[in-house]
Amino acid sequence: GLAERIAAQAEVAVNAADAVLFVVDANVGIT
């Protein structure tokens, strides 16, 4: 649904970028 289209925008941003800053919540850990 809407979340899928939001994720698609993020994927487009990665493809157009020169580098990626991947943000993870250190308090939650790896999901």
Full PDB file with SEQRES, HELIX, SHEET, SSBOND, CRYST1, ORIGX, SCALE, CONECT and MASTER records, all heavy atoms in Angstrom:
SEQRES   1 A   31  GLY LEU ALA GLU ARG ILE ALA ALA GLN ALA GLU VAL ALA          
SEQRES   2 A   31  VAL ASN ALA ALA ASP ALA VAL LEU PHE VAL VAL ASP ALA          
SEQRES   3 A   31  ASN VAL GLY ILE THR                                          
HELIX    1 AA1 LEU A    2  ALA A   16  1                                  15    
CRYST1    1.000    1.000    1.000  90.00  90.00  90.00 P 1           1          
ORIGX1      1.000000  0.000000  0.000000        0.00000                         
ORIGX2      0.000000  1.000000  0.000000        0.00000                         
ORIGX3      0.000000  0.000000  1.000000        0.00000                         
SCALE1      1.000000  0.000000  0.000000        0.00000                         
SCALE2      0.000000  1.000000  0.000000        0.00000                         
SCALE3      0.000000  0.000000  1.000000        0.00000                         
ATOM      1  N   GLY A   1       0.812  -1.210   0.000  1.00  0.00           N  
ATOM      2  CA  GLY A   1       0.000   0.000   0.000  1.00  0.00           C  
ATOM      3  C   GLY A   1       0.844   1.257   0.000  1.00  0.00           C  
ATOM      4  O   GLY A   1       1.836   1.384  -0.722  1.00  0.00           O  
ATOM      5  N   LEU A   2       0.437   2.235   0.829  1.00  0.00           N  
ATOM      6  CA  LEU A   2       1.153   3.507   0.904  1.00  0.00           C  
ATOM      7  C   LEU A   2       2.599   3.293   1.330  1.00  0.00           C  
ATOM      8  O   LEU A   2       3.514   3.922   0.788  1.00  0.00           O  
ATOM      9  CB  LEU A   2       0.443   4.441   1.887  1.00  0.00           C  
ATOM     10  CG  LEU A   2       1.124   5.787   2.182  1.00  0.00           C  
ATOM     11  CD1 LEU A   2       1.253   6.605   0.904  1.00  0.00           C  
ATOM     12  CD2 LEU A   2       0.350   6.559   3.237  1.00  0.00           C  
ATOM     13  N   ALA A   3       2.823   2.392   2.294  1.00  0.00           N  
ATOM     14  CA  ALA A   3       4.188   2.131   2.763  1.00  0.00           C  
ATOM     15  C   ALA A   3       5.065   1.585   1.638  1.00  0.00           C  
ATOM     16  O   ALA A   3       6.266   1.856   1.584  1.00  0.00           O  
ATOM     17  CB  ALA A   3       4.163   1.143   3.932  1.00  0.00           C  
ATOM     18  N   GLU A   4       4.468   0.839   0.717  1.00  0.00           N  
ATOM     19  CA  GLU A   4       5.223   0.303  -0.417  1.00  0.00           C  
ATOM     20  C   GLU A   4       5.699   1.434  -1.329  1.00  0.00           C  
ATOM     21  O   GLU A   4       6.833   1.431  -1.824  1.00  0.00           O  
ATOM     22  CB  GLU A   4       4.353  -0.677  -1.205  1.00  0.00           C  
ATOM     23  CG  GLU A   4       5.061  -1.321  -2.379  1.00  0.00           C  
ATOM     24  CD  GLU A   4       4.165  -2.291  -3.131  1.00  0.00           C  
ATOM     25  OE1 GLU A   4       2.945  -2.297  -2.857  1.00  0.00           O  
ATOM     26  OE2 GLU A   4       4.666  -3.023  -4.004  1.00  0.00           O  
ATOM     27  N   ARG A   5       4.839   2.437  -1.553  1.00  0.00           N  
ATOM     28  CA  ARG A   5       5.233   3.560  -2.403  1.00  0.00           C  
ATOM     29  C   ARG A   5       6.286   4.421  -1.715  1.00  0.00           C  
ATOM     30  O   ARG A   5       7.169   4.979  -2.365  1.00  0.00           O  
ATOM     31  CB  ARG A   5       4.006   4.389  -2.761  1.00  0.00           C  
ATOM     32  CG  ARG A   5       3.046   3.646  -3.693  1.00  0.00           C  
ATOM     33  CD  ARG A   5       2.012   4.573  -4.281  1.00  0.00           C  
ATOM     34  NE  ARG A   5       1.043   5.016  -3.287  1.00  0.00           N  
ATOM     35  CZ  ARG A   5      -0.026   4.303  -2.914  1.00  0.00           C  
ATOM     36  NH1 ARG A   5      -0.236   3.103  -3.442  1.00  0.00           N  
ATOM     37  NH2 ARG A   5      -0.871   4.771  -2.023  1.00  0.00           N  
ATOM     38  N   ILE A   6       6.202   4.523  -0.391  1.00  0.00           N  
ATOM     39  CA  ILE A   6       7.231   5.247   0.363  1.00  0.00           C  
ATOM     40  C   ILE A   6       8.568   4.525   0.230  1.00  0.00           C  
ATOM     41  O   ILE A   6       9.616   5.154   0.013  1.00  0.00           O  
ATOM     42  CB  ILE A   6       6.818   5.372   1.839  1.00  0.00           C  
ATOM     43  CG1 ILE A   6       5.563   6.246   1.971  1.00  0.00           C  
ATOM     44  CG2 ILE A   6       7.953   5.954   2.677  1.00  0.00           C  
ATOM     45  CD1 ILE A   6       4.978   6.268   3.368  1.00  0.00           C  
ATOM     46  N   ALA A   7       8.553   3.192   0.350  1.00  0.00           N  
ATOM     47  CA  ALA A   7       9.776   2.413   0.204  1.00  0.00           C  
ATOM     48  C   ALA A   7      10.354   2.556  -1.203  1.00  0.00           C  
ATOM     49  O   ALA A   7      11.579   2.606  -1.388  1.00  0.00           O  
ATOM     50  CB  ALA A   7       9.494   0.939   0.511  1.00  0.00           C  
ATOM     51  N   ALA A   8       9.476   2.641  -2.210  1.00  0.00           N  
ATOM     52  CA  ALA A   8       9.951   2.807  -3.586  1.00  0.00           C  
ATOM     53  C   ALA A   8      10.693   4.128  -3.748  1.00  0.00           C  
ATOM     54  O   ALA A   8      11.706   4.211  -4.455  1.00  0.00           O  
ATOM     55  CB  ALA A   8       8.773   2.735  -4.555  1.00  0.00           C  
ATOM     56  N   GLN A   9      10.213   5.184  -3.077  1.00  0.00           N  
ATOM     57  CA  GLN A   9      10.908   6.476  -3.128  1.00  0.00           C  
ATOM     58  C   GLN A   9      12.293   6.367  -2.499  1.00  0.00           C  
ATOM     59  O   GLN A   9      13.263   6.960  -2.992  1.00  0.00           O  
ATOM     60  CB  GLN A   9      10.083   7.546  -2.415  1.00  0.00           C  
ATOM     61  CG  GLN A   9       8.799   7.942  -3.120  1.00  0.00           C  
ATOM     62  CD  GLN A   9       9.082   8.665  -4.430  1.00  0.00           C  
ATOM     63  OE1 GLN A   9       9.982   9.476  -4.520  1.00  0.00           O  
ATOM     64  NE2 GLN A   9       8.315   8.346  -5.445  1.00  0.00           N  
ATOM     65  N   ALA A  10      12.412   5.617  -1.421  1.00  0.00           N  
ATOM     66  CA  ALA A  10      13.711   5.425  -0.777  1.00  0.00           C  
ATOM     67  C   ALA A  10      14.669   4.679  -1.698  1.00  0.00           C  
ATOM     68  O   ALA A  10      15.856   5.006  -1.784  1.00  0.00           O  
ATOM     69  CB  ALA A  10      13.536   4.668   0.545  1.00  0.00           C  
ATOM     70  N   GLU A  11      14.151   3.676  -2.409  1.00  0.00           N  
ATOM     71  CA  GLU A  11      14.995   2.910  -3.328  1.00  0.00           C  
ATOM     72  C   GLU A  11      15.465   3.776  -4.489  1.00  0.00           C  
ATOM     73  O   GLU A  11      16.615   3.682  -4.925  1.00  0.00           O  
ATOM     74  CB  GLU A  11      14.224   1.698  -3.842  1.00  0.00           C  
ATOM     75  CG  GLU A  11      15.111   0.695  -4.562  1.00  0.00           C  
ATOM     76  CD  GLU A  11      14.423  -0.647  -4.746  1.00  0.00           C  
ATOM     77  OE1 GLU A  11      13.318  -0.832  -4.206  1.00  0.00           O  
ATOM     78  OE2 GLU A  11      15.008  -1.506  -5.425  1.00  0.00           O  
ATOM     79  N   VAL A  12      14.593   4.657  -4.984  1.00  0.00           N  
ATOM     80  CA  VAL A  12      14.986   5.587  -6.040  1.00  0.00           C  
ATOM     81  C   VAL A  12      16.091   6.511  -5.538  1.00  0.00           C  
ATOM     82  O   VAL A  12      17.058   6.804  -6.257  1.00  0.00           O  
ATOM     83  CB  VAL A  12      13.768   6.412  -6.513  1.00  0.00           C  
ATOM     84  CG1 VAL A  12      14.203   7.555  -7.426  1.00  0.00           C  
ATOM     85  CG2 VAL A  12      12.784   5.517  -7.255  1.00  0.00           C  
ATOM     86  N   ALA A  13      15.967   6.974  -4.299  1.00  0.00           N  
ATOM     87  CA  ALA A  13      16.980   7.864  -3.722  1.00  0.00           C  
ATOM     88  C   ALA A  13      18.338   7.174  -3.653  1.00  0.00           C  
ATOM     89  O   ALA A  13      19.372   7.790  -3.940  1.00  0.00           O  
ATOM     90  CB  ALA A  13      16.544   8.312  -2.325  1.00  0.00           C  
ATOM     91  N   VAL A  14      18.357   5.891  -3.293  1.00  0.00           N  
ATOM     92  CA  VAL A  14      19.615   5.143  -3.226  1.00  0.00           C  
ATOM     93  C   VAL A  14      20.247   5.036  -4.610  1.00  0.00           C  
ATOM     94  O   VAL A  14      21.454   5.235  -4.788  1.00  0.00           O  
ATOM     95  CB  VAL A  14      19.375   3.747  -2.624  1.00  0.00           C  
ATOM     96  CG1 VAL A  14      20.612   2.867  -2.788  1.00  0.00           C  
ATOM     97  CG2 VAL A  14      19.013   3.868  -1.148  1.00  0.00           C  
ATOM     98  N   ASN A  15      19.436   4.721  -5.606  1.00  0.00           N  
ATOM     99  CA  ASN A  15      19.965   4.557  -6.963  1.00  0.00           C  
ATOM    100  C   ASN A  15      20.540   5.857  -7.521  1.00  0.00           C  
ATOM    101  O   ASN A  15      21.465   5.840  -8.332  1.00  0.00           O  
ATOM    102  CB  ASN A  15      18.860   4.043  -7.893  1.00  0.00           C  
ATOM    103  CG  ASN A  15      18.436   2.629  -7.550  1.00  0.00           C  
ATOM    104  OD1 ASN A  15      19.237   1.848  -7.018  1.00  0.00           O  
ATOM    105  ND2 ASN A  15      17.189   2.291  -7.823  1.00  0.00           N  
ATOM    106  N   ALA A  16      19.979   7.000  -7.097  1.00  0.00           N  
ATOM    107  CA  ALA A  16      20.429   8.294  -7.611  1.00  0.00           C  
ATOM    108  C   ALA A  16      21.559   8.894  -6.787  1.00  0.00           C  
ATOM    109  O   ALA A  16      22.147   9.905  -7.196  1.00  0.00           O  
ATOM    110  CB  ALA A  16      19.255   9.278  -7.646  1.00  0.00           C  
ATOM    111  N   ALA A  17      21.892   8.291  -5.650  1.00  0.00           N  
ATOM    112  CA  ALA A  17      22.865   8.880  -4.731  1.00  0.00           C  
ATOM    113  C   ALA A  17      24.286   8.433  -5.071  1.00  0.00           C  
ATOM    114  O   ALA A  17      24.511   7.435  -5.764  1.00  0.00           O  
ATOM    115  CB  ALA A  17      22.518   8.494  -3.293  1.00  0.00           C  
ATOM    116  N   ASP A  18      25.257   9.187  -4.546  1.00  0.00           N  
ATOM    117  CA  ASP A  18      26.671   8.812  -4.663  1.00  0.00           C  
ATOM    118  C   ASP A  18      27.117   7.971  -3.477  1.00  0.00           C  
ATOM    119  O   ASP A  18      28.078   7.210  -3.578  1.00  0.00           O  
ATOM    120  CB  ASP A  18      27.539  10.077  -4.743  1.00  0.00           C  
ATOM    121  CG  ASP A  18      27.235  10.900  -5.984  1.00  0.00           C  
ATOM    122  OD1 ASP A  18      27.450  10.393  -7.099  1.00  0.00           O  
ATOM    123  OD2 ASP A  18      26.772  12.042  -5.842  1.00  0.00           O  
ATOM    124  N   ALA A  19      26.447   8.127  -2.335  1.00  0.00           N  
ATOM    125  CA  ALA A  19      26.741   7.337  -1.142  1.00  0.00           C  
ATOM    126  C   ALA A  19      25.469   7.246  -0.318  1.00  0.00           C  
ATOM    127  O   ALA A  19      24.532   8.029  -0.501  1.00  0.00           O  
ATOM    128  CB  ALA A  19      27.874   7.957  -0.328  1.00  0.00           C  
ATOM    129  N   VAL A  20      25.455   6.273   0.616  1.00  0.00           N  
ATOM    130  CA  VAL A  20      24.261   6.012   1.420  1.00  0.00           C  
ATOM    131  C   VAL A  20      24.619   6.077   2.893  1.00  0.00           C  
ATOM    132  O   VAL A  20      25.639   5.508   3.322  1.00  0.00           O  
ATOM    133  CB  VAL A  20      23.658   4.628   1.083  1.00  0.00           C  
ATOM    134  CG1 VAL A  20      22.448   4.337   1.965  1.00  0.00           C  
ATOM    135  CG2 VAL A  20      23.265   4.546  -0.388  1.00  0.00           C  
ATOM    136  N   LEU A  21      23.791   6.780   3.659  1.00  0.00           N  
ATOM    137  CA  LEU A  21      23.902   6.771   5.115  1.00  0.00           C  
ATOM    138  C   LEU A  21      22.777   5.892   5.643  1.00  0.00           C  
ATOM    139  O   LEU A  21      21.605   6.269   5.602  1.00  0.00           O  
ATOM    140  CB  LEU A  21      23.785   8.194   5.669  1.00  0.00           C  
ATOM    141  CG  LEU A  21      23.885   8.338   7.197  1.00  0.00           C  
ATOM    142  CD1 LEU A  21      25.246   7.859   7.695  1.00  0.00           C  
ATOM    143  CD2 LEU A  21      23.640   9.777   7.634  1.00  0.00           C  
ATOM    144  N   PHE A  22      23.131   4.691   6.123  1.00  0.00           N  
ATOM    145  CA  PHE A  22      22.144   3.735   6.609  1.00  0.00           C  
ATOM    146  C   PHE A  22      22.013   3.916   8.119  1.00  0.00           C  
ATOM    147  O   PHE A  22      22.970   3.727   8.869  1.00  0.00           O  
ATOM    148  CB  PHE A  22      22.587   2.317   6.262  1.00  0.00           C  
ATOM    149  CG  PHE A  22      21.633   1.244   6.730  1.00  0.00           C  
ATOM    150  CD1 PHE A  22      20.255   1.402   6.608  1.00  0.00           C  
ATOM    151  CD2 PHE A  22      22.107   0.069   7.286  1.00  0.00           C  
ATOM    152  CE1 PHE A  22      19.377   0.428   7.037  1.00  0.00           C  
ATOM    153  CE2 PHE A  22      21.237  -0.927   7.714  1.00  0.00           C  
ATOM    154  CZ  PHE A  22      19.878  -0.746   7.591  1.00  0.00           C  
ATOM    155  N   VAL A  23      20.801   4.297   8.559  1.00  0.00           N  
ATOM    156  CA  VAL A  23      20.559   4.631   9.965  1.00  0.00           C  
ATOM    157  C   VAL A  23      19.862   3.459  10.646  1.00  0.00           C  
ATOM    158  O   VAL A  23      18.830   2.962  10.171  1.00  0.00           O  
ATOM    159  CB  VAL A  23      19.699   5.908  10.087  1.00  0.00           C  
ATOM    160  CG1 VAL A  23      19.542   6.290  11.559  1.00  0.00           C  
ATOM    161  CG2 VAL A  23      20.327   7.050   9.305  1.00  0.00           C  
ATOM    162  N   VAL A  24      20.433   3.034  11.783  1.00  0.00           N  
ATOM    163  CA  VAL A  24      19.870   1.940  12.584  1.00  0.00           C  
ATOM    164  C   VAL A  24      19.700   2.441  14.011  1.00  0.00           C  
ATOM    165  O   VAL A  24      20.532   3.211  14.513  1.00  0.00           O  
ATOM    166  CB  VAL A  24      20.786   0.698  12.542  1.00  0.00           C  
ATOM    167  CG1 VAL A  24      20.215  -0.418  13.405  1.00  0.00           C  
ATOM    168  CG2 VAL A  24      20.981   0.219  11.117  1.00  0.00           C  
ATOM    169  N   ASP A  25      18.632   2.027  14.663  1.00  0.00           N  
ATOM    170  CA  ASP A  25      18.390   2.368  16.065  1.00  0.00           C  
ATOM    171  C   ASP A  25      19.260   1.461  16.928  1.00  0.00           C  
ATOM    172  O   ASP A  25      19.012   0.255  17.050  1.00  0.00           O  
ATOM    173  CB  ASP A  25      16.912   2.179  16.400  1.00  0.00           C  
ATOM    174  CG  ASP A  25      16.558   2.686  17.793  1.00  0.00           C  
ATOM    175  OD1 ASP A  25      17.469   2.803  18.627  1.00  0.00           O  
ATOM    176  OD2 ASP A  25      15.365   2.964  18.041  1.00  0.00           O  
ATOM    177  N   ALA A  26      20.294   2.045  17.543  1.00  0.00           N  
ATOM    178  CA  ALA A  26      21.227   1.241  18.333  1.00  0.00           C  
ATOM    179  C   ALA A  26      20.552   0.637  19.558  1.00  0.00           C  
ATOM    180  O   ALA A  26      20.972  -0.428  20.049  1.00  0.00           O  
ATOM    181  CB  ALA A  26      22.418   2.099  18.749  1.00  0.00           C  
ATOM    182  N   ASN A  27      19.518   1.280  20.089  1.00  0.00           N  
ATOM    183  CA  ASN A  27      18.836   0.758  21.275  1.00  0.00           C  
ATOM    184  C   ASN A  27      18.028  -0.493  20.958  1.00  0.00           C  
ATOM    185  O   ASN A  27      17.869  -1.370  21.804  1.00  0.00           O  
ATOM    186  CB  ASN A  27      17.923   1.826  21.862  1.00  0.00           C  
ATOM    187  CG  ASN A  27      18.691   3.032  22.365  1.00  0.00           C  
ATOM    188  OD1 ASN A  27      19.821   2.900  22.821  1.00  0.00           O  
ATOM    189  ND2 ASN A  27      18.090   4.204  22.265  1.00  0.00           N  
ATOM    190  N   VAL A  28      17.494  -0.581  19.741  1.00  0.00           N  
ATOM    191  CA  VAL A  28      16.688  -1.744  19.337  1.00  0.00           C  
ATOM    192  C   VAL A  28      17.573  -2.860  18.813  1.00  0.00           C  
ATOM    193  O   VAL A  28      17.301  -4.049  19.010  1.00  0.00           O  
ATOM    194  CB  VAL A  28      15.658  -1.317  18.266  1.00  0.00           C  
ATOM    195  CG1 VAL A  28      14.894  -2.521  17.741  1.00  0.00           C  
ATOM    196  CG2 VAL A  28      14.704  -0.287  18.840  1.00  0.00           C  
ATOM    197  N   GLY A  29      18.666  -2.493  18.144  1.00  0.00           N  
ATOM    198  CA  GLY A  29      19.541  -3.500  17.561  1.00  0.00           C  
ATOM    199  C   GLY A  29      19.103  -3.887  16.158  1.00  0.00           C  
ATOM    200  O   GLY A  29      18.278  -3.221  15.529  1.00  0.00           O  
ATOM    201  N   ILE A  30      19.664  -4.977  15.656  1.00  0.00           N  
ATOM    202  CA  ILE A  30      19.404  -5.416  14.280  1.00  0.00           C  
ATOM    203  C   ILE A  30      18.047  -6.117  14.209  1.00  0.00           C  
ATOM    204  O   ILE A  30      17.768  -7.036  14.988  1.00  0.00           O  
ATOM    205  CB  ILE A  30      20.513  -6.367  13.804  1.00  0.00           C  
ATOM    206  CG1 ILE A  30      21.880  -5.661  13.854  1.00  0.00           C  
ATOM    207  CG2 ILE A  30      20.227  -6.854  12.389  1.00  0.00           C  
ATOM    208  CD1 ILE A  30      23.050  -6.577  13.577  1.00  0.00           C  
ATOM    209  N   THR A  31      17.208  -5.675  13.279  1.00  0.00           N  
ATOM    210  CA  THR A  31      15.904  -6.304  13.064  1.00  0.00           C  
ATOM    211  C   THR A  31      15.893  -7.006  11.711  1.00  0.00           C  
ATOM    212  O   THR A  31      16.801  -6.829  10.887  1.00  0.00           O  
ATOM    213  CB  THR A  31      14.776  -5.266  13.102  1.00  0.00           C  
ATOM    214  OG1 THR A  31      14.923  -4.389  11.981  1.00  0.00           O  
ATOM    215  CG2 THR A  31      14.830  -4.445  14.387  1.00  0.00           C  
TER     216      THR A  31                                                      
MASTER        0    0    0    1    0    0    0    6  215    1    0    3          
END                                                                             
